[in-house]
């Protein structure tokens, strides 16, 4: 409301947004079915029947310790831990080195982050995006405490596989399609990576080949030729590429999107349309 010529009038203002941080303070609950027997009277007789009802039960808070975590390709991750003596006394204000090594079998650890423990001995650090890694926390020690190193944890990162194009998208039976794919990740073994080629119809699929020695920027090309078929029958086949697990490739297996090709009609001696 604003005052116009001595009286209040309602005017419309431009909408605005505001970001607020919300903390959930309500206990987490789950649904639970409770069944019990009760006695009722039916046709003048007492009988025992079962009655069921669904109630909400409060889940008690608990701490979950994970030694492995899966994150999306290109995303960083938070790691945390605790530093203390064997007697359970927390060590606050101490330096902790977070060591990481690419999960390629070489275990070449390097310092990825340095953090300081809180008064209760807890610490946390953020790791940048990268491949699948082994993570360890190292404590250099002090005048009255010895150095220590934690057990390794595993950060799992899937590869980024892209099916860039499939052409043409409509071919007759016996026609050939050309596929262009790319395996990204910033690191490819010297001998190259392995890529699985899939073709599917509906919910069923099969592997029709494996492309070996994918190196460089991960880009590759391949072809697929359909067999003979009834010209009157038309089918929609989909193509997909997926990376295969390799000991020296520090990315977990992943799959690309699916691209569909419509197949039907007589083979053409000229250019496929």
Protein backbone atom coordinates (compact mmCIF):
# COMPACT_ATOMS: atom_id res chain seq x y z
CA UNK A 1 0.00 0.00 0.00
CA UNK A 2 1.20 3.51 -0.85
CA UNK A 3 -0.26 6.90 -0.06
CA UNK A 4 -1.61 8.71 -3.13
CA UNK A 5 -3.17 12.20 -2.69
CA UNK A 6 -3.66 11.64 1.00
CA UNK A 7 -5.18 8.16 0.89
CA UNK A 8 -3.84 4.59 0.82
CA UNK A 9 -4.01 2.61 -2.41
CA UNK A 10 -2.85 -0.87 -3.31
CA UNK A 11 -0.24 -1.07 -6.08
CA UNK A 12 1.49 -4.06 -7.70
CA UNK A 13 5.25 -4.37 -7.20
CA UNK A 14 7.76 -6.37 -9.23
CA UNK A 15 8.20 -9.92 -7.94
CA UNK A 16 11.48 -10.85 -6.25
CA UNK A 17 13.08 -14.03 -4.94
CA UNK A 18 14.87 -14.69 -1.71
CA UNK A 19 17.08 -17.64 -0.78
CA UNK A 20 16.92 -18.92 2.77
CA UNK A 21 18.67 -21.81 4.50
CA UNK A 22 16.27 -24.28 6.07
CA UNK A 23 17.31 -26.71 8.77
CA UNK A 24 15.16 -29.80 9.23
CA UNK A 25 14.46 -30.19 12.92
CA UNK A 26 11.78 -32.86 12.69
CA UNK A 27 12.66 -36.47 13.38
CA UNK A 28 12.71 -38.80 10.39
CA UNK A 29 9.89 -41.31 10.40
CA UNK A 30 9.07 -44.44 8.43
CA UNK A 31 5.83 -46.30 7.90
CA UNK A 32 5.38 -49.59 9.73
CA UNK A 33 2.49 -52.03 9.56
CA UNK A 34 1.34 -53.35 12.95
CA UNK A 35 -0.81 -56.49 13.08
CA UNK A 36 -2.52 -57.71 16.25
CA UNK A 37 -5.26 -60.15 17.17
CA UNK A 38 -8.49 -58.93 18.74
CA UNK A 39 -11.64 -60.68 19.95
CA UNK A 40 -14.92 -59.67 18.37
CA UNK A 41 -18.45 -61.04 18.50
CA UNK A 42 -19.74 -62.46 15.24
CA UNK A 43 -23.19 -64.09 14.95
CA UNK A 44 -23.38 -64.30 18.73
CA UNK A 45 -20.00 -66.01 19.06
CA UNK A 46 -16.59 -64.71 20.08
CA UNK A 47 -13.92 -65.08 17.37
CA UNK A 48 -10.28 -63.99 17.07
CA UNK A 49 -9.45 -61.88 14.04
CA UNK A 50 -6.39 -59.97 12.89
CA UNK A 51 -6.43 -56.20 12.58
CA UNK A 52 -3.69 -54.26 10.77
CA UNK A 53 -2.92 -50.58 10.75
CA UNK A 54 -0.06 -48.44 9.48
CA UNK A 55 1.71 -46.14 11.93
CA UNK A 56 4.71 -43.85 11.67
CA UNK A 57 7.74 -44.84 13.74
CA UNK A 58 10.53 -42.41 14.60
CA UNK A 59 13.93 -43.51 13.28
CA UNK A 60 16.71 -42.93 15.77
CA UNK A 61 19.66 -40.88 14.48
CA UNK A 62 22.81 -42.80 13.70
CA UNK A 63 26.24 -42.18 12.25
CA UNK A 64 27.12 -43.93 9.00
CA UNK A 65 30.78 -44.59 8.21
CA UNK A 66 31.44 -45.22 4.53
CA UNK A 67 34.72 -46.38 3.03
CA UNK A 68 33.52 -45.87 -0.54
CA UNK A 69 31.45 -43.23 -2.29
CA UNK A 70 30.20 -42.84 -5.86
CA UNK A 71 30.04 -39.36 -7.40
CA UNK A 72 29.07 -38.14 -10.86
CA UNK A 73 31.68 -37.44 -13.51
CA UNK A 74 33.02 -33.91 -13.16
CA UNK A 75 31.85 -33.46 -9.55
CA UNK A 76 33.98 -33.00 -6.44
CA UNK A 77 33.40 -34.69 -3.11
CA UNK A 78 33.68 -34.00 0.61
CA UNK A 79 35.72 -36.35 2.80
CA UNK A 80 35.79 -36.30 6.59
CA UNK A 81 37.28 -38.19 9.48
CA UNK A 82 38.40 -38.09 13.10
CA UNK A 83 41.80 -37.79 14.74
CA UNK A 84 42.49 -38.99 18.26
CA UNK A 85 44.61 -41.22 20.44
CA UNK A 86 44.17 -44.95 20.93
CA UNK A 87 42.46 -44.16 24.25
CA UNK A 88 39.77 -42.14 22.42
CA UNK A 89 41.07 -38.67 23.32
CA UNK A 90 40.38 -36.19 20.51
CA UNK A 91 43.30 -34.22 19.10
CA UNK A 92 42.16 -30.72 18.18
CA UNK A 93 44.07 -28.11 16.22
CA UNK A 94 46.23 -30.70 14.44
CA UNK A 95 47.16 -30.77 10.75
CA UNK A 96 45.87 -33.62 8.59
CA UNK A 97 47.08 -34.29 5.03
CA UNK A 98 44.55 -35.81 2.61
CA UNK A 99 46.40 -38.04 0.13
CA UNK A 100 44.88 -39.29 -3.12
CA UNK A 101 46.03 -41.63 -5.89
CA UNK A 102 44.34 -42.46 -9.18
CA UNK A 103 42.78 -45.92 -9.04
CA UNK A 104 44.96 -47.32 -11.84
CA UNK A 105 46.99 -49.83 -9.84
CA UNK A 106 50.07 -47.64 -9.38
CA UNK A 107 49.17 -46.08 -6.00
CA UNK A 108 51.06 -42.86 -6.69
CA UNK A 109 49.76 -40.83 -3.73
CA UNK A 110 50.11 -37.06 -3.50
CA UNK A 111 48.74 -34.42 -1.14
CA UNK A 112 45.38 -33.22 -2.46
CA UNK A 113 44.26 -31.13 0.55
CA UNK A 114 45.47 -29.99 3.97
CA UNK A 115 43.04 -29.39 6.82
CA UNK A 116 43.00 -28.79 10.58
CA UNK A 117 41.05 -30.80 13.13
CA UNK A 118 38.34 -29.20 15.27
CA UNK A 119 38.26 -29.33 19.07
CA UNK A 120 36.39 -32.68 18.94
CA UNK A 121 38.98 -34.17 16.58
CA UNK A 122 36.78 -34.05 13.49
CA UNK A 123 38.07 -32.80 10.17
CA UNK A 124 36.75 -32.42 6.62
CA UNK A 125 38.16 -31.43 3.25
CA UNK A 126 36.81 -31.00 -0.27
CA UNK A 127 38.39 -32.86 -3.16
CA UNK A 128 38.19 -31.46 -6.69
CA UNK A 129 36.73 -33.33 -9.63
CA UNK A 130 38.84 -36.13 -11.04
CA UNK A 131 38.99 -39.87 -11.74
CA UNK A 132 38.30 -42.73 -9.34
CA UNK A 133 40.79 -42.40 -6.49
CA UNK A 134 42.14 -44.05 -3.39
CA UNK A 135 42.04 -41.67 -0.42
CA UNK A 136 44.12 -41.76 2.75
CA UNK A 137 44.49 -39.31 5.63
CA UNK A 138 47.96 -38.79 7.11
CA UNK A 139 48.92 -37.27 10.45
CA UNK A 140 52.58 -36.13 10.67
CA UNK A 141 52.68 -36.45 14.45
CA UNK A 142 53.69 -34.06 17.22
CA UNK A 143 55.99 -33.91 20.24
CA UNK A 144 53.85 -36.27 22.34
CA UNK A 145 52.00 -38.20 19.59
CA UNK A 146 53.26 -40.46 16.83
CA UNK A 147 52.50 -40.14 13.14
CA UNK A 148 49.64 -42.18 11.74
CA UNK A 149 47.87 -42.91 8.48
CA UNK A 150 44.29 -44.03 7.95
CA UNK A 151 42.94 -47.02 6.06
CA UNK A 152 42.27 -46.24 2.38
CA UNK A 153 38.85 -45.16 1.17
CA UNK A 154 37.58 -45.46 -2.38
CA UNK A 155 36.04 -42.66 -4.46
CA UNK A 156 34.26 -44.14 -7.50
CA UNK A 157 33.76 -41.91 -10.56
CA UNK A 158 32.09 -43.27 -13.74
CA UNK A 159 33.49 -42.49 -17.15
CA UNK A 160 31.76 -40.07 -19.49
CA UNK A 161 30.72 -41.91 -22.63
CA UNK A 162 29.01 -40.04 -25.47
CA UNK A 163 27.33 -41.37 -28.59
CA UNK A 164 27.67 -38.23 -30.68
CA UNK A 165 25.82 -39.29 -33.82
CA UNK A 166 24.29 -42.20 -35.72
CA UNK A 167 23.62 -41.59 -39.43
CA UNK A 168 21.49 -42.04 -41.36
CA UNK A 169 18.55 -42.42 -38.99
CA UNK A 170 16.41 -44.24 -41.60
CA UNK A 171 17.87 -47.12 -43.64
CA UNK A 172 16.45 -50.10 -45.59
CA UNK A 173 17.21 -53.70 -44.67
CA UNK A 174 20.82 -54.41 -45.55
CA UNK A 175 21.78 -50.75 -45.09
CA UNK A 176 24.77 -49.43 -43.14
CA UNK A 177 24.83 -46.80 -40.39
CA UNK A 178 27.86 -44.84 -39.22
CA UNK A 179 28.44 -44.23 -35.50
CA UNK A 180 30.64 -41.58 -33.90
CA UNK A 181 31.40 -41.87 -30.18
CA UNK A 182 33.75 -40.36 -27.66
CA UNK A 183 35.17 -41.54 -24.36
CA UNK A 184 36.01 -38.59 -22.12
CA UNK A 185 37.75 -38.39 -18.79
CA UNK A 186 41.05 -36.58 -19.24
CA UNK A 187 43.11 -39.75 -18.97
CA UNK A 188 43.40 -42.70 -21.35
CA UNK A 189 45.90 -45.56 -20.94
CA UNK A 190 48.83 -45.71 -23.33
CA UNK A 191 47.44 -48.86 -24.93
CA UNK A 192 43.98 -47.33 -25.23
CA UNK A 193 40.64 -48.12 -23.62
CA UNK A 194 37.93 -50.64 -24.51
CA UNK A 195 34.41 -49.63 -25.60
CA UNK A 196 31.47 -52.02 -25.97
CA UNK A 197 29.05 -51.50 -28.87
CA UNK A 198 25.41 -52.41 -28.24
CA UNK A 199 22.35 -52.72 -30.43
CA UNK A 200 18.88 -53.26 -29.05
CA UNK A 201 15.26 -53.75 -30.02
CA UNK A 202 12.78 -52.79 -27.34
CA UNK A 203 13.94 -54.10 -23.96
CA UNK A 204 16.39 -56.64 -25.40
CA UNK A 205 19.94 -55.84 -26.47
CA UNK A 206 23.14 -57.56 -27.54
CA UNK A 207 26.83 -56.67 -27.80
CA UNK A 208 27.85 -56.75 -31.45
CA UNK A 209 31.46 -55.68 -31.02
CA UNK A 210 34.20 -54.16 -28.89
CA UNK A 211 36.25 -51.21 -30.07
CA UNK A 212 39.84 -51.51 -28.84
CA UNK A 213 42.69 -49.05 -28.41
CA UNK A 214 40.60 -45.89 -28.03
CA UNK A 215 43.28 -43.26 -27.43
CA UNK A 216 43.94 -39.55 -27.97
CA UNK A 217 40.85 -37.48 -27.24
CA UNK A 218 38.73 -40.65 -27.03
CA UNK A 219 36.88 -40.04 -30.30
CA UNK A 220 36.24 -43.03 -32.57
CA UNK A 221 34.12 -44.14 -35.53
CA UNK A 222 32.53 -47.47 -36.42
CA UNK A 223 29.91 -48.90 -38.79
CA UNK A 224 27.07 -51.39 -38.50
CA UNK A 225 25.32 -53.17 -41.38
CA UNK A 226 21.83 -54.60 -40.94
CA UNK A 227 20.94 -57.99 -42.36
CA UNK A 228 18.21 -58.77 -44.85
CA UNK A 229 14.60 -58.50 -43.79
CA UNK A 230 11.03 -58.29 -44.95
CA UNK A 231 10.66 -54.96 -46.79
CA UNK A 232 7.16 -54.55 -45.37
CA UNK A 233 8.44 -54.88 -41.79
CA UNK A 234 9.74 -51.77 -40.07
CA UNK A 235 11.68 -51.87 -36.83
CA UNK A 236 13.24 -49.27 -34.54
CA UNK A 237 16.69 -50.35 -33.34
CA UNK A 238 18.70 -48.38 -30.79
CA UNK A 239 22.48 -48.07 -30.47
CA UNK A 240 24.54 -47.46 -27.34
CA UNK A 241 28.21 -47.50 -26.38
CA UNK A 242 29.61 -48.39 -22.97
CA UNK A 243 33.08 -48.41 -21.44
CA UNK A 244 34.56 -51.64 -20.13
CA UNK A 245 36.43 -52.08 -16.83
CA UNK A 246 40.22 -51.91 -17.16
CA UNK A 247 42.83 -52.16 -14.44
CA UNK A 248 44.79 -49.11 -15.61
CA UNK A 249 41.79 -46.93 -16.48
CA UNK A 250 40.69 -45.01 -13.36
CA UNK A 251 37.02 -44.59 -14.28
CA UNK A 252 34.14 -46.93 -13.50
CA UNK A 253 32.15 -48.39 -16.44
CA UNK A 254 29.39 -46.16 -17.82
CA UNK A 255 26.98 -46.08 -20.75
CA UNK A 256 25.98 -43.43 -23.25
CA UNK A 257 22.54 -42.31 -24.33
CA UNK A 258 20.60 -44.35 -26.87
CA UNK A 259 20.02 -43.23 -30.46
CA UNK A 260 17.34 -44.88 -32.57
CA UNK A 261 17.48 -45.96 -36.24
CA UNK A 262 14.36 -46.84 -38.25
CA UNK A 263 14.92 -49.89 -40.50
CA UNK A 264 12.56 -51.03 -43.26
CA UNK A 265 11.98 -51.16 -47.00
CA UNK A 266 13.93 -52.51 -49.98
CA UNK A 267 17.70 -51.97 -50.28
CA UNK A 268 18.43 -49.05 -52.56
CA UNK A 269 21.31 -49.14 -55.08
CA UNK A 270 21.76 -45.40 -54.68
CA UNK A 271 22.21 -43.22 -51.62
CA UNK A 272 20.20 -44.23 -48.53
CA UNK A 273 17.70 -41.62 -47.46
